[in-house]
Amino acid sequence: MLKTKTNKNPVITIMKDSVKIIIPIYKDHFGELEEKSFLQCMKLLSEYDITLVQPEGLDNSYITKKYPEIGVKDFPKHYFKNIEGYNELLLSSLFYEAFLDSEYILIYQLDAFVFKNELKEWCQKGYDYIGAPWIATPKDTFGKKLFNDIARNFRSKKKNSREQTFYKVGNGGFSLRKVASHYAIAKEKSQFIAAFLSAEKKEIYAIEDVFWSLKAPEFVSDFKIPDYKEACLFAIDRKPKIAFEIINNQMPFGCHGINKPKVIDFWKPILEKY
C-alpha cells in the first residue's frame, strides 16, 4: 500500500478568492425532488457562479432557457453512465483542472438541499474538504460492543470496510472542496488512483468521497477536514435524527440524500416548510 506523505499542499499558482457551485446532471428533465432541490439552490445561492456538469451533448434547455446565466461544463459521456464513472471523474485531475479559476467548489447534487446561505462562512474556515459525516448508531454499552465485535467476524468484507467511514467526514453529494489541493493530489496520485479504480476487487476508497475523506489526509498531512461534530453543522446525510441531536437541533447549512428510502419520511415535513 502506498504510504508516501508530504508536509505541505503542493503550490498551485492559479488561485482566486472565489467559489463555484457545481450541479451534476445526467438527464434532460427534473424529478420532483430534484426540481425542489434546484430551485432552493437558486433561491439561496444564486449570488455565486453556478455551473452544470454534464455529459457531452445533453439537452439542458429545461434549465438554461430559464437561467441563461448558469454555466455549463461538458465531460465525456462515460463518466455519467454509472457510479463507477462518476467516481472516476471526481478522482481525476481533469475535473479539478476545469475549476482552477476558483478557490472552492461546492458540489450540489440534486438529492441535496440547502437551508441557509452560509457558503462564504464555510469557505473562510480554510478546510480542504467538508461533507456530511457518516454518522453511525452509537454503541454505548459493553454488551453492544461485544456483540458487534463478534458479529464483525461473520460479516462481509464490504460491511466491515464501511465501518472505516463511521464518523468520518464525509459524503460528497453536498461537499465543499478546495480546488487546488484536490487537483494536486489527483494529479500526483493519478497512477495509484487508476490502479485501484481498475482493480477487480475494489477497496472502499474507490468511492470518490471515501478517498478524499480517508486517503487524501494520508498523502498530504495538512489536508484539512473538520471533525464530525462541526461537519454536522455543514450538512447531514446518514442517521439524521442522531445528527440533529449532535448539533442540538440546529439547522445545518444543508443536507444530502433527501430521497433515500430510510430517511425520506424524516425529511419530508422539514422540506415542506421551504
Protein backbone atom coordinates (compact mmCIF):
# COMPACT_ATOMS: atom_id res chain seq x y z
CA MET A 1 0.00 0.00 0.00
CA LEU A 2 1.33 3.42 -0.92
CA LYS A 3 2.37 5.39 2.14
CA THR A 4 4.08 8.45 0.71
CA LYS A 5 3.36 11.61 2.61
CA THR A 6 4.25 15.24 2.19
CA ASN A 7 4.09 18.01 4.74
CA LYS A 8 2.58 20.75 2.62
CA ASN A 9 -0.05 21.05 -0.07
CA PRO A 10 1.75 21.46 -3.42
CA VAL A 11 1.59 25.10 -4.51
CA ILE A 12 -0.80 25.88 -7.36
CA THR A 13 -0.32 29.34 -8.84
CA ILE A 14 -3.86 29.70 -10.23
CA MET A 15 -5.94 30.90 -7.32
CA LYS A 16 -8.79 33.34 -6.85
CA ASP A 17 -10.81 34.20 -3.78
CA SER A 18 -13.96 32.63 -5.16
CA VAL A 19 -16.33 29.70 -5.02
CA LYS A 20 -18.38 28.00 -7.72
CA ILE A 21 -21.43 25.82 -7.20
CA ILE A 22 -21.25 22.65 -9.28
CA ILE A 23 -24.52 20.86 -10.07
CA PRO A 24 -24.01 17.46 -11.74
CA ILE A 25 -26.82 16.46 -14.12
CA TYR A 26 -27.13 13.46 -16.42
CA LYS A 27 -30.68 13.57 -17.85
CA ASP A 28 -32.84 16.05 -19.75
CA HIS A 29 -35.53 16.63 -17.11
CA PHE A 30 -36.09 17.09 -13.37
CA GLY A 31 -37.69 14.68 -10.97
CA GLU A 32 -39.99 16.31 -8.40
CA LEU A 33 -37.48 16.40 -5.55
CA GLU A 34 -34.66 17.32 -7.92
CA GLU A 35 -36.57 20.39 -9.05
CA LYS A 36 -37.24 21.40 -5.45
CA SER A 37 -33.55 20.97 -4.67
CA PHE A 38 -32.50 23.02 -7.69
CA LEU A 39 -34.96 25.86 -7.03
CA GLN A 40 -33.81 26.11 -3.42
CA CYS A 41 -30.23 26.38 -4.61
CA MET A 42 -31.20 29.20 -6.97
CA LYS A 43 -33.20 30.92 -4.25
CA LEU A 44 -30.42 30.98 -1.66
CA LEU A 45 -27.15 30.72 -3.58
CA SER A 46 -27.72 32.50 -6.90
CA GLU A 47 -25.24 35.24 -5.94
CA TYR A 48 -22.49 32.71 -6.67
CA ASP A 49 -21.40 31.34 -10.03
CA ILE A 50 -23.29 28.13 -10.77
CA THR A 51 -22.11 25.57 -13.31
CA LEU A 52 -23.85 22.46 -14.60
CA VAL A 53 -21.51 19.48 -15.01
CA GLN A 54 -22.96 17.12 -17.59
CA PRO A 55 -22.22 14.52 -20.27
CA GLU A 56 -21.36 15.86 -23.71
CA GLY A 57 -24.41 16.53 -25.85
CA LEU A 58 -27.00 16.54 -23.05
CA ASP A 59 -30.07 18.71 -23.67
CA ASN A 60 -30.05 21.03 -20.66
CA SER A 61 -32.58 23.52 -22.02
CA TYR A 62 -35.02 22.76 -19.21
CA ILE A 63 -32.55 24.67 -17.01
CA THR A 64 -30.60 27.02 -19.26
CA LYS A 65 -33.62 28.58 -21.04
CA LYS A 66 -34.90 29.94 -17.73
CA TYR A 67 -31.46 30.50 -16.20
CA PRO A 68 -29.14 31.58 -19.04
CA GLU A 69 -26.61 32.88 -16.52
CA ILE A 70 -25.78 29.33 -15.43
CA GLY A 71 -22.55 27.97 -16.87
CA VAL A 72 -22.15 24.54 -18.46
CA LYS A 73 -19.13 22.25 -18.42
CA ASP A 74 -19.23 19.09 -20.54
CA PHE A 75 -17.25 15.95 -19.78
CA PRO A 76 -17.08 12.68 -21.76
CA LYS A 77 -20.24 10.59 -21.54
CA HIS A 78 -18.63 7.56 -19.91
CA TYR A 79 -18.23 9.48 -16.66
CA PHE A 80 -22.01 9.65 -16.29
CA LYS A 81 -23.06 6.12 -17.25
CA ASN A 82 -22.85 4.73 -13.72
CA ILE A 83 -21.50 5.42 -10.24
CA GLU A 84 -18.10 3.99 -11.20
CA GLY A 85 -17.78 6.59 -13.94
CA TYR A 86 -18.76 9.39 -11.58
CA ASN A 87 -16.19 8.22 -9.03
CA GLU A 88 -13.55 8.24 -11.76
CA LEU A 89 -14.48 11.79 -12.77
CA LEU A 90 -14.28 13.20 -9.25
CA LEU A 91 -10.95 11.48 -8.67
CA SER A 92 -9.44 12.91 -11.86
CA SER A 93 -7.21 15.96 -12.24
CA LEU A 94 -9.22 16.67 -15.42
CA PHE A 95 -12.24 17.55 -13.30
CA TYR A 96 -10.48 19.87 -10.87
CA GLU A 97 -8.36 21.48 -13.57
CA ALA A 98 -11.60 22.79 -15.10
CA PHE A 99 -12.24 24.84 -11.96
CA LEU A 100 -8.78 26.11 -11.02
CA ASP A 101 -10.04 29.65 -11.50
CA SER A 102 -11.98 29.18 -8.24
CA GLU A 103 -10.60 28.57 -4.78
CA TYR A 104 -13.52 26.35 -3.80
CA ILE A 105 -16.29 24.37 -5.43
CA LEU A 106 -19.49 23.30 -3.74
CA ILE A 107 -20.73 20.01 -5.18
CA TYR A 108 -24.52 20.23 -5.08
CA GLN A 109 -26.15 17.03 -6.27
CA LEU A 110 -29.88 17.28 -6.80
CA ASP A 111 -30.68 15.00 -3.89
CA ALA A 112 -29.24 17.71 -1.64
CA PHE A 113 -31.00 20.69 -0.08
CA VAL A 114 -29.61 23.96 1.24
CA PHE A 115 -31.31 25.57 4.25
CA LYS A 116 -29.41 28.84 4.55
CA ASN A 117 -26.67 30.81 2.84
CA GLU A 118 -23.55 30.06 4.85
CA LEU A 119 -21.32 29.27 1.89
CA LYS A 120 -18.94 32.19 2.37
CA GLU A 121 -18.54 31.41 6.07
CA TRP A 122 -17.62 27.79 5.36
CA CYS A 123 -15.12 28.82 2.70
CA GLN A 124 -13.46 31.19 5.17
CA LYS A 125 -12.73 28.29 7.54
CA GLY A 126 -9.99 27.13 5.18
CA TYR A 127 -10.82 23.43 5.08
CA ASP A 128 -9.78 21.33 2.09
CA TYR A 129 -12.82 19.07 2.20
CA ILE A 130 -16.15 19.12 4.04
CA GLY A 131 -19.12 16.82 3.58
CA ALA A 132 -21.88 15.39 5.73
CA PRO A 133 -20.31 12.99 8.24
CA TRP A 134 -21.15 9.30 8.08
CA ILE A 135 -22.98 9.07 11.39
CA ALA A 136 -23.47 5.60 12.85
CA THR A 137 -25.76 4.24 15.53
CA PRO A 138 -23.97 4.67 18.87
CA LYS A 139 -22.57 1.56 20.53
CA ASP A 140 -22.71 2.77 24.09
CA THR A 141 -22.90 -0.35 26.21
CA PHE A 142 -20.40 -3.12 26.78
CA GLY A 143 -22.98 -5.64 25.58
CA LYS A 144 -23.47 -3.85 22.28
CA LYS A 145 -19.73 -3.54 21.75
CA LEU A 146 -19.18 -7.23 22.49
CA PHE A 147 -21.99 -8.22 20.12
CA ASN A 148 -20.59 -6.06 17.34
CA ASP A 149 -17.05 -7.35 17.86
CA ILE A 150 -18.33 -10.92 17.48
CA ALA A 151 -20.62 -10.06 14.56
CA ARG A 152 -17.74 -8.42 12.71
CA ASN A 153 -16.14 -11.85 12.26
CA PHE A 154 -19.19 -13.08 10.37
CA ARG A 155 -19.96 -10.03 8.25
CA SER A 156 -18.87 -9.48 4.70
CA LYS A 157 -15.66 -7.59 3.97
CA LYS A 158 -17.79 -4.87 2.37
CA LYS A 159 -19.76 -4.25 5.56
CA ASN A 160 -16.62 -4.27 7.68
CA SER A 161 -14.93 -1.85 5.28
CA ARG A 162 -17.86 0.51 5.64
CA GLU A 163 -17.09 0.83 9.34
CA GLN A 164 -13.90 2.68 8.40
CA THR A 165 -16.10 5.59 7.37
CA PHE A 166 -18.16 5.84 10.56
CA TYR A 167 -17.93 9.35 11.99
CA LYS A 168 -15.58 10.39 9.19
CA VAL A 169 -16.17 13.46 7.02
CA GLY A 170 -17.81 12.94 4.71
CA ASN A 171 -20.37 12.42 1.95
CA GLY A 172 -19.53 14.06 -1.39
CA GLY A 173 -23.06 14.76 -2.62
CA PHE A 174 -23.13 18.13 -0.85
CA SER A 175 -19.49 18.93 -0.27
CA LEU A 176 -17.11 21.87 -0.26
CA ARG A 177 -13.73 21.20 -1.88
CA LYS A 178 -10.60 23.32 -2.15
CA VAL A 179 -9.80 23.03 -5.83
CA ALA A 180 -6.01 23.40 -5.69
CA SER A 181 -5.40 20.64 -3.16
CA HIS A 182 -7.81 18.24 -4.88
CA TYR A 183 -6.20 18.93 -8.25
CA ALA A 184 -2.68 18.44 -6.90
CA ILE A 185 -3.48 15.13 -5.20
CA ALA A 186 -5.48 13.80 -8.16
CA LYS A 187 -2.60 14.65 -10.50
CA GLU A 188 0.24 13.44 -8.29
CA LYS A 189 -1.52 10.18 -7.34
CA SER A 190 -3.08 9.51 -10.75
CA GLN A 191 -1.37 6.14 -11.20
CA PHE A 192 -2.37 4.99 -7.72
CA ILE A 193 -5.95 6.12 -8.37
CA ALA A 194 -6.09 4.41 -11.78
CA ALA A 195 -4.82 1.17 -10.24
CA PHE A 196 -7.43 0.91 -7.52
CA LEU A 197 -10.24 2.05 -9.82
CA SER A 198 -9.40 -0.75 -12.28
CA ALA A 199 -8.87 -3.45 -9.64
CA GLU A 200 -11.22 -6.43 -9.84
CA LYS A 201 -11.86 -6.30 -6.10
CA LYS A 202 -12.23 -2.65 -5.22
CA GLU A 203 -11.26 -1.11 -1.92
CA ILE A 204 -13.81 1.15 -0.25
CA TYR A 205 -11.77 4.22 -1.21
CA ALA A 206 -12.61 3.55 -4.86
CA ILE A 207 -15.69 5.56 -3.85
CA GLU A 208 -14.57 9.10 -4.52
CA ASP A 209 -15.74 10.76 -1.31
CA VAL A 210 -14.24 7.97 0.80
CA PHE A 211 -10.91 8.58 -0.96
CA TRP A 212 -10.98 12.29 -0.14
CA SER A 213 -12.01 11.57 3.44
CA LEU A 214 -9.63 8.71 4.28
CA LYS A 215 -6.74 8.63 1.78
CA ALA A 216 -6.08 12.28 0.96
CA PRO A 217 -5.03 13.11 4.56
CA GLU A 218 -2.53 10.22 4.36
CA PHE A 219 -0.93 11.76 1.27
CA VAL A 220 -0.92 15.39 2.46
CA SER A 221 -0.54 15.85 6.19
CA ASP A 222 -2.14 19.30 6.25
CA PHE A 223 -5.18 18.32 4.15
CA LYS A 224 -7.73 19.89 6.48
CA ILE A 225 -11.06 18.22 7.28
CA PRO A 226 -13.29 19.21 10.23
CA ASP A 227 -14.35 16.76 12.92
CA TYR A 228 -17.74 15.11 12.61
CA LYS A 229 -19.46 17.41 15.11
CA GLU A 230 -18.55 20.55 13.20
CA ALA A 231 -19.32 18.81 9.92
CA CYS A 232 -22.89 18.11 11.12
CA LEU A 233 -23.38 21.88 11.09
CA PHE A 234 -22.27 21.89 7.46
CA ALA A 235 -24.52 19.06 6.28
CA ILE A 236 -26.44 15.98 7.41
CA ASP A 237 -26.82 12.73 5.50
CA ARG A 238 -26.82 9.42 7.42
CA LYS A 239 -28.81 8.99 10.64
CA PRO A 240 -30.36 12.48 10.55
CA LYS A 241 -32.09 12.11 13.91
CA ILE A 242 -28.79 11.37 15.65
CA ALA A 243 -27.02 14.10 13.67
CA PHE A 244 -29.55 16.72 14.77
CA GLU A 245 -29.05 15.65 18.39
CA ILE A 246 -25.30 16.19 17.97
CA ILE A 247 -25.87 19.82 16.95
CA ASN A 248 -28.68 20.47 19.46
CA ASN A 249 -31.34 20.56 16.73
CA GLN A 250 -29.80 23.50 14.90
CA MET A 251 -30.42 23.62 11.17
CA PRO A 252 -27.28 22.79 9.19
CA PHE A 253 -26.14 24.65 6.10
CA GLY A 254 -27.56 21.81 4.00
CA CYS A 255 -28.31 18.12 3.78
CA HIS A 256 -27.93 15.26 1.32
CA GLY A 257 -29.85 12.11 0.48
CA ILE A 258 -33.35 13.55 0.89
CA ASN A 259 -34.82 10.82 -1.32
CA LYS A 260 -33.25 7.80 0.41
CA PRO A 261 -35.97 5.32 1.46
CA LYS A 262 -34.83 5.17 5.09
CA VAL A 263 -34.93 8.94 5.62
CA ILE A 264 -37.45 10.34 3.13
CA ASP A 265 -40.17 10.40 5.80
CA PHE A 266 -37.81 12.21 8.17
CA TRP A 267 -37.02 14.98 5.69
CA LYS A 268 -40.50 15.37 4.18
CA PRO A 269 -42.06 17.58 6.92
CA ILE A 270 -38.88 19.67 7.09
CA LEU A 271 -38.71 20.26 3.34
CA GLU A 272 -42.41 21.16 3.22
CA LYS A 273 -41.53 24.34 5.13
CA TYR A 274 -39.37 25.56 2.23
